[in-house]
């Protein structure tokens, strides 16, 4: 076989009049009567090769038998393309290779879809023939972009003195997270390993061990319901640092992200990144991961309607809820469009959607008759209403109002092309609550994870809460406790999250008590961490970036599946391999597992 000494996409000025050996796939063949043009493709790109019948009849005949996606090797001389025949769309477009030798290494049957054009394909088809999908230019560029991001990431960590350490894949199942993937143990019947949802406990152990600065580009696994930006197995850039505070972790994170954007996209991100408190993000955008590339901010109206005769608003305020609105300015929505937006919010739990439309200086709405003149005027002034505006309202518990208007805001932004997709909106969201009340479980749960440290000045509130018998008073105290946590948000997606961790055993046990994790369970699940804290654990903190999501955002893609080589479908299936699948009864018997209907 002719062995390659040059990639097709690397043919350049320095190769003129030199012999090269190329290996690759036939991208397309064109017989122009006596001259055959062959576009040869490999990982690095495409180059035009040519053979004339009168110059080399045997090679010409062989070239004429080639079809799309045949695998070939060829030797030839590089020359400049004749004037007027250059192809500016190719980086090799000024050159061509005159074929001197040609070998067919393999043929190709008729493809289920063409790989030389961006044909629309169903997800099932793309993943069933992923090896063909990955030959397409866009997919190839996605994975090569990801590869370069890996290298830059490692370089930045090494420059800052981090040590790369691998953590176990077979570990212990712990509560307070998503659902674990479980692995039965053959050697220990009835016992199971869990695949790691993150290296959280191990990276904290590494800090106790004195490694000071750890990083890992690591696979994490969660058995959760999937959507466009979720996969059962995903990749994190994971790191932890000792003897640091929030500023140290956030400053390093900014350096890493800014370097990736600069070197991969040529985009200069302004540092330090802007910061928004959790409370302000929720109040203004109804989301703790706000997309600020368009307006439609939430407007507070509770004070205007605290004494209203409109029953829906009054009941919401009297029960401790809020009234908020968004003003879709100049939209001139039709009644049909308003009804469609109403159906959207109903699909996410709203009972309905109150609205007012401003038309030629007049107000149109079925709820206006319930407002006093003072309320109407105050409302119009607060939302800065003008002709063509449509104002939407939500009145309910604060969390539900955030959910309804936050999602409505995003839905309108996407449906009506309000989002400026030409820019990247990067910010930190900080000052999260440490814990939140779960109505279903009737207990407090960690907003991030149970190892996140509260702010030092708020710790006394946790102690006071444990001593308080009245549940509402306890909730009030606990909800006032802020976490030393920080999330990095880009274009409305959380791409990274982290915190300063609890490093004292007494404080960790206090948080466990508030989370109603019994001492026996805490010892059983996290005993090794609590034990380690007794032996000189340093103050430490870190962060994990969702690598797949980050790359998808940088590439301008909606789904992380397009930046993962072999992803699963939305149902967690791999169409390429057929996983998950049944196994032999013998294998189950060895694992002491019996299937039941």
Protein backbone atom coordinates (compact mmCIF):
# COMPACT_ATOMS: atom_id res chain seq x y z
CA UNK A 1 0.00 0.00 0.00
CA UNK A 2 1.11 3.53 -0.73
CA UNK A 3 1.64 5.06 2.73
CA UNK A 4 0.57 8.64 3.31
CA UNK A 5 3.19 11.34 3.81
CA UNK A 6 0.77 14.28 3.65
CA UNK A 7 -2.82 15.04 4.62
CA UNK A 8 -5.09 16.17 1.79
CA UNK A 9 -6.04 19.34 3.64
CA UNK A 10 -2.39 20.27 4.25
CA UNK A 11 -1.36 20.64 0.58
CA UNK A 12 0.14 24.13 0.30
CA UNK A 13 2.67 26.36 -1.47
CA UNK A 14 5.59 24.45 0.04
CA UNK A 15 4.49 21.27 -1.79
CA UNK A 16 4.58 22.73 -5.34
CA UNK A 17 6.39 20.43 -7.78
CA UNK A 18 6.90 17.82 -5.05
CA UNK A 19 5.66 14.23 -4.93
CA UNK A 20 3.10 13.43 -2.25
CA UNK A 21 1.32 10.25 -1.18
CA UNK A 22 -2.28 10.72 -0.07
CA UNK A 23 -4.74 8.30 1.56
CA UNK A 24 -8.44 9.01 1.92
CA UNK A 25 -12.00 8.76 0.66
CA UNK A 26 -13.27 9.69 -2.78
CA UNK A 27 -15.37 12.79 -2.15
CA UNK A 28 -16.57 13.03 -5.75
CA UNK A 29 -15.39 12.08 -9.25
CA UNK A 30 -15.94 14.09 -12.47
CA UNK A 31 -15.12 12.70 -15.93
CA UNK A 32 -14.72 15.62 -18.34
CA UNK A 33 -13.95 13.47 -21.36
CA UNK A 34 -10.27 12.61 -21.37
CA UNK A 35 -9.67 14.25 -17.99
CA UNK A 36 -10.88 12.93 -14.63
CA UNK A 37 -11.02 15.20 -11.60
CA UNK A 38 -11.01 13.36 -8.28
CA UNK A 39 -11.68 15.18 -5.00
CA UNK A 40 -9.92 13.25 -2.26
CA UNK A 41 -10.92 13.78 1.39
CA UNK A 42 -9.34 12.93 4.71
CA UNK A 43 -9.63 14.25 8.26
CA UNK A 44 -7.90 17.53 7.41
CA UNK A 45 -9.78 18.48 4.26
CA UNK A 46 -10.20 17.98 0.51
CA UNK A 47 -7.80 18.36 -2.39
CA UNK A 48 -8.42 18.05 -6.13
CA UNK A 49 -6.46 15.32 -7.96
CA UNK A 50 -6.37 14.96 -11.73
CA UNK A 51 -5.40 12.37 -14.37
CA UNK A 52 -5.42 12.76 -18.16
CA UNK A 53 -6.19 9.76 -20.38
CA UNK A 54 -3.48 10.58 -22.90
CA UNK A 55 -0.82 10.96 -20.20
CA UNK A 56 -1.67 7.84 -18.18
CA UNK A 57 -4.36 5.61 -19.76
CA UNK A 58 -4.12 2.80 -17.17
CA UNK A 59 -4.52 5.16 -14.21
CA UNK A 60 -7.31 6.97 -16.10
CA UNK A 61 -9.24 3.70 -16.55
CA UNK A 62 -8.84 2.84 -12.86
CA UNK A 63 -9.89 6.34 -11.80
CA UNK A 64 -12.96 6.08 -14.01
CA UNK A 65 -14.09 3.05 -11.96
CA UNK A 66 -14.07 5.00 -8.70
CA UNK A 67 -17.28 5.87 -6.92
CA UNK A 68 -18.17 8.07 -3.97
CA UNK A 69 -16.59 6.98 -0.65
CA UNK A 70 -14.21 4.44 -2.16
CA UNK A 71 -11.02 4.30 -0.08
CA UNK A 72 -7.89 4.97 -2.14
CA UNK A 73 -4.19 5.67 -1.95
CA UNK A 74 -2.42 7.72 -4.61
CA UNK A 75 0.93 9.23 -5.42
CA UNK A 76 1.23 12.38 -7.46
CA UNK A 77 2.95 15.68 -8.16
CA UNK A 78 1.55 18.94 -6.77
CA UNK A 79 1.02 21.78 -9.24
CA UNK A 80 -0.78 25.09 -9.24
CA UNK A 81 -4.29 25.07 -10.69
CA UNK A 82 -4.63 26.82 -14.07
CA UNK A 83 -5.69 30.51 -13.71
CA UNK A 84 -9.47 30.85 -13.36
CA UNK A 85 -9.99 27.31 -12.01
CA UNK A 86 -9.06 28.04 -8.38
CA UNK A 87 -11.60 27.16 -5.68
CA UNK A 88 -11.61 29.80 -2.90
CA UNK A 89 -13.96 27.63 -0.79
CA UNK A 90 -11.15 25.11 -0.21
CA UNK A 91 -7.97 25.91 1.71
CA UNK A 92 -6.20 23.75 -0.91
CA UNK A 93 -8.14 25.45 -3.71
CA UNK A 94 -5.08 26.90 -5.46
CA UNK A 95 -3.46 23.49 -5.97
CA UNK A 96 -4.08 20.08 -7.49
CA UNK A 97 -2.27 16.74 -7.51
CA UNK A 98 -1.42 15.07 -10.84
CA UNK A 99 -1.94 11.35 -10.19
CA UNK A 100 0.99 9.05 -11.01
CA UNK A 101 -0.03 5.93 -9.05
CA UNK A 102 -3.46 4.86 -7.78
CA UNK A 103 -4.61 2.01 -5.51
CA UNK A 104 -8.17 1.10 -4.55
CA UNK A 105 -8.02 0.03 -0.89
CA UNK A 106 -11.75 -0.60 -0.50
CA UNK A 107 -15.05 -0.08 -2.29
CA UNK A 108 -18.28 1.34 -0.88
CA UNK A 109 -21.89 0.26 -1.30
CA UNK A 110 -24.66 2.79 -1.98
CA UNK A 111 -24.84 5.10 1.03
CA UNK A 112 -28.04 5.46 3.10
CA UNK A 113 -27.52 9.24 2.78
CA UNK A 114 -24.94 11.48 1.04
CA UNK A 115 -22.03 12.66 3.16
CA UNK A 116 -20.86 15.40 0.81
CA UNK A 117 -23.77 17.73 1.55
CA UNK A 118 -25.71 18.92 4.59
CA UNK A 119 -28.81 16.78 4.06
CA UNK A 120 -31.48 16.95 6.78
CA UNK A 121 -31.54 13.62 8.60
CA UNK A 122 -33.57 12.18 11.45
CA UNK A 123 -31.66 11.67 14.68
CA UNK A 124 -32.27 7.92 14.49
CA UNK A 125 -30.65 7.75 11.03
CA UNK A 126 -27.69 9.91 12.02
CA UNK A 127 -26.92 7.84 15.10
CA UNK A 128 -27.59 4.49 13.38
CA UNK A 129 -24.92 5.36 10.79
CA UNK A 130 -22.82 7.59 13.03
CA UNK A 131 -19.60 6.60 11.25
CA UNK A 132 -21.06 8.11 8.05
CA UNK A 133 -22.55 11.14 9.83
CA UNK A 134 -19.09 11.90 11.27
CA UNK A 135 -17.66 12.04 7.73
CA UNK A 136 -19.78 15.13 7.08
CA UNK A 137 -17.82 18.37 7.20
CA UNK A 138 -19.83 20.01 9.99
CA UNK A 139 -19.63 16.99 12.29
CA UNK A 140 -15.93 16.51 11.60
CA UNK A 141 -15.30 20.17 12.46
CA UNK A 142 -17.26 19.81 15.70
CA UNK A 143 -15.08 16.94 16.93
CA UNK A 144 -11.82 18.57 15.81
CA UNK A 145 -12.91 21.77 17.61
CA UNK A 146 -13.57 19.68 20.71
CA UNK A 147 -10.13 18.05 20.38
CA UNK A 148 -8.43 21.46 20.28
CA UNK A 149 -10.45 22.55 23.34
CA UNK A 150 -9.13 19.50 25.24
CA UNK A 151 -5.52 20.47 24.48
CA UNK A 152 -5.95 24.14 25.43
CA UNK A 153 -7.72 23.17 28.65
CA UNK A 154 -4.93 20.83 29.72
CA UNK A 155 -2.29 23.43 28.87
CA UNK A 156 -3.98 26.15 30.96
CA UNK A 157 -4.28 23.82 33.97
CA UNK A 158 -0.66 22.72 33.71
CA UNK A 159 0.50 26.35 33.43
CA UNK A 160 -1.28 27.07 36.72
CA UNK A 161 0.28 24.13 38.59
CA UNK A 162 -2.65 21.70 38.60
CA UNK A 163 -2.11 17.93 38.83
CA UNK A 164 -4.23 15.60 36.68
CA UNK A 165 -5.61 12.71 38.76
CA UNK A 166 -8.05 10.00 37.67
CA UNK A 167 -10.83 9.06 40.09
CA UNK A 168 -12.72 5.73 40.29
CA UNK A 169 -15.57 4.71 38.00
CA UNK A 170 -16.83 1.99 40.32
CA UNK A 171 -17.83 3.75 43.51
CA UNK A 172 -20.50 3.93 46.22
CA UNK A 173 -24.10 5.00 45.70
CA UNK A 174 -24.91 8.17 47.64
CA UNK A 175 -28.17 10.09 48.15
CA UNK A 176 -28.85 13.78 47.44
CA UNK A 177 -28.27 13.63 43.72
CA UNK A 178 -29.76 12.34 40.48
CA UNK A 179 -30.50 8.62 40.03
CA UNK A 180 -27.38 6.43 39.97
CA UNK A 181 -26.43 3.86 37.35
CA UNK A 182 -25.82 0.70 39.36
CA UNK A 183 -23.32 -2.08 38.59
CA UNK A 184 -23.85 -5.47 40.31
CA UNK A 185 -20.84 -7.08 41.93
CA UNK A 186 -20.18 -10.74 41.02
CA UNK A 187 -17.75 -11.17 43.90
CA UNK A 188 -20.09 -9.66 46.48
CA UNK A 189 -23.61 -10.99 45.80
CA UNK A 190 -26.39 -8.50 46.47
CA UNK A 191 -24.02 -5.52 46.52
CA UNK A 192 -23.68 -2.86 43.86
CA UNK A 193 -21.22 -0.27 42.69
CA UNK A 194 -22.54 3.06 41.40
CA UNK A 195 -21.11 4.84 38.38
CA UNK A 196 -19.99 8.36 39.42
CA UNK A 197 -22.33 11.31 38.89
CA UNK A 198 -19.24 13.46 39.51
CA UNK A 199 -15.87 13.04 41.25
CA UNK A 200 -17.10 15.34 44.07
CA UNK A 201 -16.13 13.30 47.12
CA UNK A 202 -12.86 12.05 45.64
CA UNK A 203 -11.64 15.50 44.67
CA UNK A 204 -12.33 16.71 48.22
CA UNK A 205 -10.39 13.72 49.52
CA UNK A 206 -7.49 14.74 47.23
CA UNK A 207 -7.48 18.15 48.91
CA UNK A 208 -7.31 16.48 52.33
CA UNK A 209 -4.43 14.41 50.93
CA UNK A 210 -2.52 17.60 50.17
CA UNK A 211 -2.54 17.61 46.36
CA UNK A 212 -3.54 21.28 46.51
CA UNK A 213 -4.61 21.68 42.87
CA UNK A 214 -6.38 18.84 41.04
CA UNK A 215 -8.04 18.68 37.64
CA UNK A 216 -9.57 16.01 35.42
CA UNK A 217 -11.49 15.92 32.14
CA UNK A 218 -13.85 13.21 33.28
CA UNK A 219 -16.89 11.18 32.23
CA UNK A 220 -19.87 11.49 34.58
CA UNK A 221 -23.02 9.36 34.50
CA UNK A 222 -26.57 10.08 35.65
CA UNK A 223 -29.66 7.98 35.09
CA UNK A 224 -32.03 10.89 34.47
CA UNK A 225 -34.62 11.91 31.90
CA UNK A 226 -32.94 13.27 28.79
CA UNK A 227 -33.38 16.32 26.57
CA UNK A 228 -31.35 18.26 24.00
CA UNK A 229 -28.67 19.37 26.46
CA UNK A 230 -28.54 16.22 28.58
CA UNK A 231 -26.96 12.81 28.11
CA UNK A 232 -26.71 9.82 30.49
CA UNK A 233 -22.93 10.06 30.11
CA UNK A 234 -21.35 13.47 29.76
CA UNK A 235 -17.95 15.12 30.15
CA UNK A 236 -16.88 17.59 32.84
CA UNK A 237 -13.83 19.77 33.24
CA UNK A 238 -13.46 19.18 36.96
CA UNK A 239 -11.07 20.95 39.32
CA UNK A 240 -10.47 21.65 43.00
CA UNK A 241 -8.10 24.01 44.84
CA UNK A 242 -6.94 24.26 48.46
CA UNK A 243 -6.40 27.40 50.56
CA UNK A 244 -8.63 29.50 48.32
CA UNK A 245 -11.82 31.54 48.43
CA UNK A 246 -14.52 32.24 45.82
CA UNK A 247 -12.43 34.92 44.09
CA UNK A 248 -9.54 32.52 43.44
CA UNK A 249 -11.75 29.83 41.89
CA UNK A 250 -13.72 32.31 39.78
CA UNK A 251 -10.60 34.14 38.62
CA UNK A 252 -8.98 30.91 37.37
CA UNK A 253 -12.25 29.86 35.71
CA UNK A 254 -12.37 33.18 33.86
CA UNK A 255 -8.82 32.67 32.62
CA UNK A 256 -9.68 29.21 31.26
CA UNK A 257 -12.92 30.29 29.54
CA UNK A 258 -11.40 33.48 28.13
CA UNK A 259 -8.44 31.50 26.74
CA UNK A 260 -10.74 28.96 25.04
CA UNK A 261 -12.83 31.69 23.42
CA UNK A 262 -9.75 33.65 22.32
CA UNK A 263 -7.81 30.74 20.82
CA UNK A 264 -10.73 28.79 19.33
CA UNK A 265 -13.05 31.60 18.19
CA UNK A 266 -10.91 34.73 18.18
CA UNK A 267 -13.41 36.26 20.62
CA UNK A 268 -12.13 38.45 23.46
CA UNK A 269 -14.34 38.09 26.53
CA UNK A 270 -14.21 41.00 28.93
CA UNK A 271 -12.91 39.93 32.34
CA UNK A 272 -13.79 39.90 35.14
CA UNK A 273 -17.18 38.55 34.07
CA UNK A 274 -20.28 40.37 35.28
CA UNK A 275 -21.97 39.07 38.42
CA UNK A 276 -25.64 38.83 39.29
CA UNK A 277 -27.07 37.66 42.59
CA UNK A 278 -29.44 34.71 42.53
CA UNK A 279 -32.19 36.94 43.88
CA UNK A 280 -31.73 39.61 41.21
CA UNK A 281 -31.55 37.00 38.44
CA UNK A 282 -34.85 35.48 39.56
CA UNK A 283 -36.55 38.86 40.08
CA UNK A 284 -35.52 40.24 36.68
CA UNK A 285 -35.48 37.13 34.48
CA UNK A 286 -37.38 34.41 36.35
CA UNK A 287 -34.32 32.16 36.00
CA UNK A 288 -31.04 31.45 37.79
CA UNK A 289 -29.44 31.02 34.36
CA UNK A 290 -30.70 34.12 32.54
CA UNK A 291 -30.21 34.80 28.84
CA UNK A 292 -29.64 38.57 28.74
CA UNK A 293 -29.22 38.86 24.97
CA UNK A 294 -32.74 40.32 24.77
CA UNK A 295 -35.05 42.37 27.02
CA UNK A 296 -38.50 41.33 28.30
CA UNK A 297 -37.46 41.62 31.94
CA UNK A 298 -39.99 40.81 34.66
CA UNK A 299 -41.70 43.88 36.15
CA UNK A 300 -42.82 43.98 39.80
CA UNK A 301 -46.49 44.95 40.26
CA UNK A 302 -47.35 43.46 43.67
CA UNK A 303 -47.44 46.86 45.41
CA UNK A 304 -49.89 48.25 42.83
CA UNK A 305 -52.38 45.41 43.28
CA UNK A 306 -52.10 44.75 47.03
CA UNK A 307 -55.64 46.15 47.58
CA UNK A 308 -57.13 45.32 44.18
CA UNK A 309 -60.69 44.11 43.67
CA UNK A 310 -59.44 41.68 41.00
CA UNK A 311 -59.88 38.40 42.86
CA UNK A 312 -57.07 36.46 41.12
CA UNK A 313 -54.44 39.10 41.92
CA UNK A 314 -55.75 39.83 45.45
CA UNK A 315 -55.73 36.18 46.50
CA UNK A 316 -52.18 35.75 45.22
CA UNK A 317 -50.95 38.74 47.24
CA UNK A 318 -52.90 37.79 50.38
CA UNK A 319 -51.36 34.29 50.34
CA UNK A 320 -47.85 35.73 50.23
CA UNK A 321 -47.46 35.55 46.45
CA UNK A 322 -46.53 38.21 43.90
CA UNK A 323 -47.86 39.87 40.76
CA UNK A 324 -45.38 40.38 37.93
CA UNK A 325 -45.57 41.15 34.22
CA UNK A 326 -43.54 41.28 31.02
CA UNK A 327 -44.17 43.85 28.28
CA UNK A 328 -43.71 42.51 24.75
CA UNK A 329 -43.14 45.96 23.28
CA UNK A 330 -44.32 46.81 19.77
CA UNK A 331 -45.36 43.23 19.09
CA UNK A 332 -48.95 43.95 17.91
CA UNK A 333 -49.84 40.33 18.63
CA UNK A 334 -53.04 38.95 17.19
CA UNK A 335 -55.59 37.25 19.43
CA UNK A 336 -54.57 33.93 17.88
CA UNK A 337 -50.93 34.51 18.88
CA UNK A 338 -51.98 35.48 22.42
CA UNK A 339 -54.03 32.27 22.65
CA UNK A 340 -51.01 30.24 21.49
CA UNK A 341 -48.85 31.82 24.23
CA UNK A 342 -51.60 31.07 26.73
CA UNK A 343 -51.54 27.40 25.68
CA UNK A 344 -47.75 27.41 26.13
CA UNK A 345 -47.87 28.60 29.76
CA UNK A 346 -50.71 26.20 30.50
CA UNK A 347 -48.46 23.36 29.29
CA UNK A 348 -45.97 24.25 32.07
CA UNK A 349 -48.53 24.51 34.87
CA UNK A 350 -50.23 27.92 34.60
CA UNK A 351 -53.99 28.14 35.01
CA UNK A 352 -54.14 30.84 32.33
CA UNK A 353 -52.46 34.02 31.13
CA UNK A 354 -53.84 37.48 31.85
CA UNK A 355 -52.97 40.14 29.26
CA UNK A 356 -53.54 43.74 28.14
CA UNK A 357 -53.03 44.94 24.59
CA UNK A 358 -52.44 48.60 23.73
CA UNK A 359 -54.00 49.51 20.36
CA UNK A 360 -54.02 53.07 18.99
CA UNK A 361 -54.03 54.56 22.47
CA UNK A 362 -56.81 52.25 23.69
CA UNK A 363 -56.60 49.27 26.02
CA UNK A 364 -57.99 45.85 25.09
CA UNK A 365 -58.28 43.13 27.73
CA UNK A 366 -60.91 40.99 29.44
CA UNK A 367 -59.44 41.86 32.90
CA UNK A 368 -59.47 45.68 32.63
CA UNK A 369 -63.01 45.92 34.08
CA UNK A 370 -61.68 44.59 37.41
CA UNK A 371 -59.03 47.34 37.78
CA UNK A 372 -59.57 50.75 39.31
CA UNK A 373 -58.49 53.80 37.28
CA UNK A 374 -55.59 54.34 39.72
CA UNK A 375 -54.41 50.74 39.30
CA UNK A 376 -54.65 50.96 35.50
CA UNK A 377 -52.67 54.20 35.33
CA UNK A 378 -50.02 52.98 37.78
CA UNK A 379 -49.70 49.74 35.81
CA UNK A 380 -49.30 51.48 32.45
CA UNK A 381 -46.70 53.83 33.88
CA UNK A 382 -44.73 51.00 35.55
CA UNK A 383 -44.54 48.85 32.38
CA UNK A 384 -43.97 51.93 30.14
CA UNK A 385 -46.89 50.88 27.90
CA UNK A 386 -47.09 52.28 24.38
CA UNK A 387 -49.22 51.56 21.32
CA UNK A 388 -48.53 48.07 19.94
CA UNK A 389 -47.41 46.64 23.32
CA UNK A 390 -48.86 43.47 24.83
CA UNK A 391 -48.44 43.04 28.59
CA UNK A 392 -48.64 39.54 30.14
CA UNK A 393 -49.27 38.95 33.85
CA UNK A 394 -48.70 36.18 36.36
CA UNK A 395 -50.00 36.18 39.95
CA UNK A 396 -49.15 33.25 42.21
CA UNK A 397 -46.52 31.98 44.63
CA UNK A 398 -43.19 33.59 43.78
CA UNK A 399 -41.67 30.32 42.51
CA UNK A 400 -44.58 29.69 40.13
CA UNK A 401 -44.50 33.26 38.79
CA UNK A 402 -40.79 32.89 38.08
CA UNK A 403 -41.45 29.59 36.31
CA UNK A 404 -44.33 30.95 34.18
CA UNK A 405 -42.88 34.32 33.17
CA UNK A 406 -39.29 33.07 32.97
CA UNK A 407 -40.27 30.35 30.52
CA UNK A 408 -42.68 32.64 28.64
CA UNK A 409 -39.89 35.20 28.27
CA UNK A 410 -37.54 32.60 26.75
CA UNK A 411 -40.30 31.16 24.54
CA UNK A 412 -41.14 34.61 23.12
CA UNK A 413 -37.44 35.39 22.65
CA UNK A 414 -36.95 32.27 20.53
CA UNK A 415 -40.29 32.30 18.67
CA UNK A 416 -40.02 35.96 17.67
CA UNK A 417 -36.25 36.06 17.01
CA UNK A 418 -35.49 38.59 19.72
CA UNK A 419 -32.20 36.92 20.74
CA UNK A 420 -28.96 38.46 19.45
CA UNK A 421 -27.19 35.24 18.45
CA UNK A 422 -24.11 37.17 17.28
CA UNK A 423 -22.83 37.74 20.81
CA UNK A 424 -21.95 35.72 23.89
CA UNK A 425 -23.54 36.74 27.18
CA UNK A 426 -21.30 35.54 30.01
CA UNK A 427 -21.99 36.11 33.70
CA UNK A 428 -21.64 34.68 37.17
CA UNK A 429 -24.71 34.02 39.28
CA UNK A 430 -23.77 34.17 42.99
CA UNK A 431 -25.30 34.26 46.48
CA UNK A 432 -27.54 31.23 46.01
CA UNK A 433 -29.63 29.98 48.92
CA UNK A 434 -27.84 27.09 50.62
CA UNK A 435 -31.01 24.99 51.03
CA UNK A 436 -34.56 25.04 49.70
CA UNK A 437 -37.79 23.46 50.89
CA UNK A 438 -39.05 20.48 48.91
CA UNK A 439 -42.87 20.37 49.07
CA UNK A 440 -43.05 16.76 47.91
CA UNK A 441 -40.53 15.37 50.38
CA UNK A 442 -41.50 17.88 53.11
CA UNK A 443 -37.88 18.58 53.99
CA UNK A 444 -34.98 20.83 53.07
CA UNK A 445 -32.76 19.83 50.14
CA UNK A 446 -29.42 21.23 48.97
CA UNK A 447 -29.73 23.68 46.10
CA UNK A 448 -26.31 22.57 44.80
CA UNK A 449 -25.05 19.64 46.90
CA UNK A 450 -24.74 18.95 50.64
CA UNK A 451 -20.99 19.69 50.73
CA UNK A 452 -21.40 23.38 49.79
CA UNK A 453 -20.31 25.75 52.54
CA UNK A 454 -22.65 28.45 53.86
CA UNK A 455 -21.30 31.97 54.22
CA UNK A 456 -19.59 32.29 57.59
CA UNK A 457 -21.84 35.12 58.72
CA UNK A 458 -24.95 32.97 58.08
CA UNK A 459 -23.92 29.79 59.92
CA UNK A 460 -25.61 30.94 63.16
CA UNK A 461 -28.95 30.93 61.30
CA UNK A 462 -28.58 27.20 60.64
CA UNK A 463 -28.02 26.52 64.33
CA UNK A 464 -30.97 28.74 65.24
CA UNK A 465 -33.17 26.96 62.65
CA UNK A 466 -32.47 23.57 64.24
CA UNK A 467 -33.58 24.99 67.59
CA UNK A 468 -36.79 26.45 66.13
CA UNK A 469 -39.90 24.29 66.40
CA UNK A 470 -42.28 26.26 64.18
CA UNK A 471 -41.79 25.11 60.56
CA UNK A 472 -42.51 28.47 58.89
CA UNK A 473 -40.03 30.23 61.18
CA UNK A 474 -37.46 27.52 60.41
CA UNK A 475 -38.04 27.95 56.67
CA UNK A 476 -37.57 31.71 56.98
CA UNK A 477 -34.27 31.27 58.80
CA UNK A 478 -32.92 28.58 56.44
CA UNK A 479 -33.93 30.49 53.30
CA UNK A 480 -31.84 33.42 54.53
CA UNK A 481 -28.66 31.31 54.55
CA UNK A 482 -26.50 32.01 51.52
CA UNK A 483 -24.18 29.49 49.93
CA UNK A 484 -20.58 30.13 48.95
CA UNK A 485 -21.59 28.94 45.49
CA UNK A 486 -21.21 30.33 41.99
CA UNK A 487 -22.57 29.31 38.58
CA UNK A 488 -21.14 30.41 35.24
CA UNK A 489 -23.90 31.13 32.73
CA UNK A 490 -23.40 31.61 28.97
CA UNK A 491 -26.32 32.49 26.69
CA UNK A 492 -28.89 31.23 29.16
CA UNK A 493 -27.16 27.91 29.89
CA UNK A 494 -25.40 26.95 33.09
CA UNK A 495 -22.02 25.79 31.79
CA UNK A 496 -20.27 25.54 35.12
CA UNK A 497 -21.04 25.41 38.80
CA UNK A 498 -19.04 25.15 41.97
CA UNK A 499 -18.58 26.27 45.54
CA UNK A 500 -16.29 26.60 48.49
CA UNK A 501 -16.76 23.31 50.33
CA UNK A 502 -17.40 22.50 53.95
CA UNK A 503 -14.07 21.32 55.40
CA UNK A 504 -15.00 20.97 59.08
CA UNK A 505 -16.73 17.81 60.31
CA UNK A 506 -18.98 19.70 62.77
CA UNK A 507 -20.40 22.02 60.08
CA UNK A 508 -20.94 19.13 57.66
CA UNK A 509 -22.87 17.22 60.34
CA UNK A 510 -24.97 20.34 61.05
CA UNK A 511 -25.98 20.58 57.37
CA UNK A 512 -26.76 16.85 57.30
CA UNK A 513 -29.11 17.31 60.25
CA UNK A 514 -30.99 20.10 58.47
CA UNK A 515 -31.24 17.88 55.39
CA UNK A 516 -32.66 15.18 57.69
CA UNK A 517 -29.93 12.73 56.75
CA UNK A 518 -29.76 10.49 59.83
CA UNK A 519 -26.38 10.09 61.51
CA UNK A 520 -26.33 6.38 60.68
CA UNK A 521 -27.07 7.07 57.00
CA UNK A 522 -24.53 9.92 56.86
CA UNK A 523 -21.89 7.62 58.32
CA UNK A 524 -22.85 4.81 55.94
CA UNK A 525 -22.88 6.99 52.80
CA UNK A 526 -20.24 9.65 53.55
CA UNK A 527 -18.34 8.15 56.46
CA UNK A 528 -15.01 8.14 54.64
CA UNK A 529 -15.31 11.89 53.92
CA UNK A 530 -16.34 12.78 57.47
CA UNK A 531 -13.50 10.62 58.76
CA UNK A 532 -11.03 12.43 56.49
CA UNK A 533 -12.20 15.81 57.81
CA UNK A 534 -10.91 14.80 61.26
CA UNK A 535 -7.32 14.71 59.99
CA UNK A 536 -6.47 18.25 58.98
CA UNK A 537 -8.69 19.06 55.99
CA UNK A 538 -7.69 22.40 54.42
CA UNK A 539 -10.20 25.03 53.24
CA UNK A 540 -10.95 24.16 49.62
CA UNK A 541 -13.29 24.78 46.71
CA UNK A 542 -13.67 24.09 43.04
CA UNK A 543 -15.89 24.02 40.01
CA UNK A 544 -17.02 21.70 37.22
CA UNK A 545 -17.71 22.85 33.67
CA UNK A 546 -20.11 20.92 31.45
CA UNK A 547 -17.65 20.37 28.61
CA UNK A 548 -20.21 19.11 26.05
CA UNK A 549 -22.52 22.06 26.69
CA UNK A 550 -19.65 24.56 26.56
CA UNK A 551 -18.47 23.25 23.18
CA UNK A 552 -22.03 23.23 21.80
CA UNK A 553 -22.50 26.88 22.80
CA UNK A 554 -19.18 27.89 21.26
CA UNK A 555 -20.16 26.09 18.03
CA UNK A 556 -23.61 27.71 18.01
CA UNK A 557 -25.43 24.37 18.30
CA UNK A 558 -28.71 23.59 20.08
CA UNK A 559 -27.89 20.00 21.02
CA UNK A 560 -24.85 18.56 22.77
CA UNK A 561 -25.34 15.38 20.71
CA UNK A 562 -23.67 17.18 17.80
CA UNK A 563 -20.40 17.54 19.73
CA UNK A 564 -20.29 14.00 21.17
CA UNK A 565 -18.87 11.26 18.98
CA UNK A 566 -21.31 8.53 19.98
CA UNK A 567 -24.28 9.97 21.92
CA UNK A 568 -27.51 8.33 23.02
CA UNK A 569 -30.99 9.27 21.78
CA UNK A 570 -33.53 11.07 23.94
CA UNK A 571 -34.63 7.64 25.20
CA UNK A 572 -31.08 6.70 26.21
CA UNK A 573 -30.58 4.30 23.29
CA UNK A 574 -27.49 3.90 21.09
CA UNK A 575 -28.85 3.07 17.59
CA UNK A 576 -25.33 2.23 16.39
CA UNK A 577 -24.68 -0.62 18.84
CA UNK A 578 -28.21 -1.40 20.01
CA UNK A 579 -27.43 -0.65 23.65
CA UNK A 580 -29.01 -1.20 26.09
CA UNK A 581 -29.75 -4.82 25.26
CA UNK A 582 -30.58 -8.15 26.86
CA UNK A 583 -27.77 -10.33 28.19
CA UNK A 584 -27.35 -14.08 28.45
CA UNK A 585 -29.10 -15.82 31.38
CA UNK A 586 -25.69 -17.21 32.32
CA UNK A 587 -24.37 -13.67 32.92
CA UNK A 588 -27.31 -12.82 35.16
CA UNK A 589 -26.85 -16.02 37.12
CA UNK A 590 -23.19 -15.19 37.77
CA UNK A 591 -24.32 -11.82 39.15
CA UNK A 592 -27.02 -13.43 41.31
CA UNK A 593 -29.70 -11.42 39.47
CA UNK A 594 -33.13 -12.72 38.54
CA UNK A 595 -35.41 -10.73 36.23
CA UNK A 596 -39.07 -10.33 37.19
CA UNK A 597 -41.95 -9.22 35.00
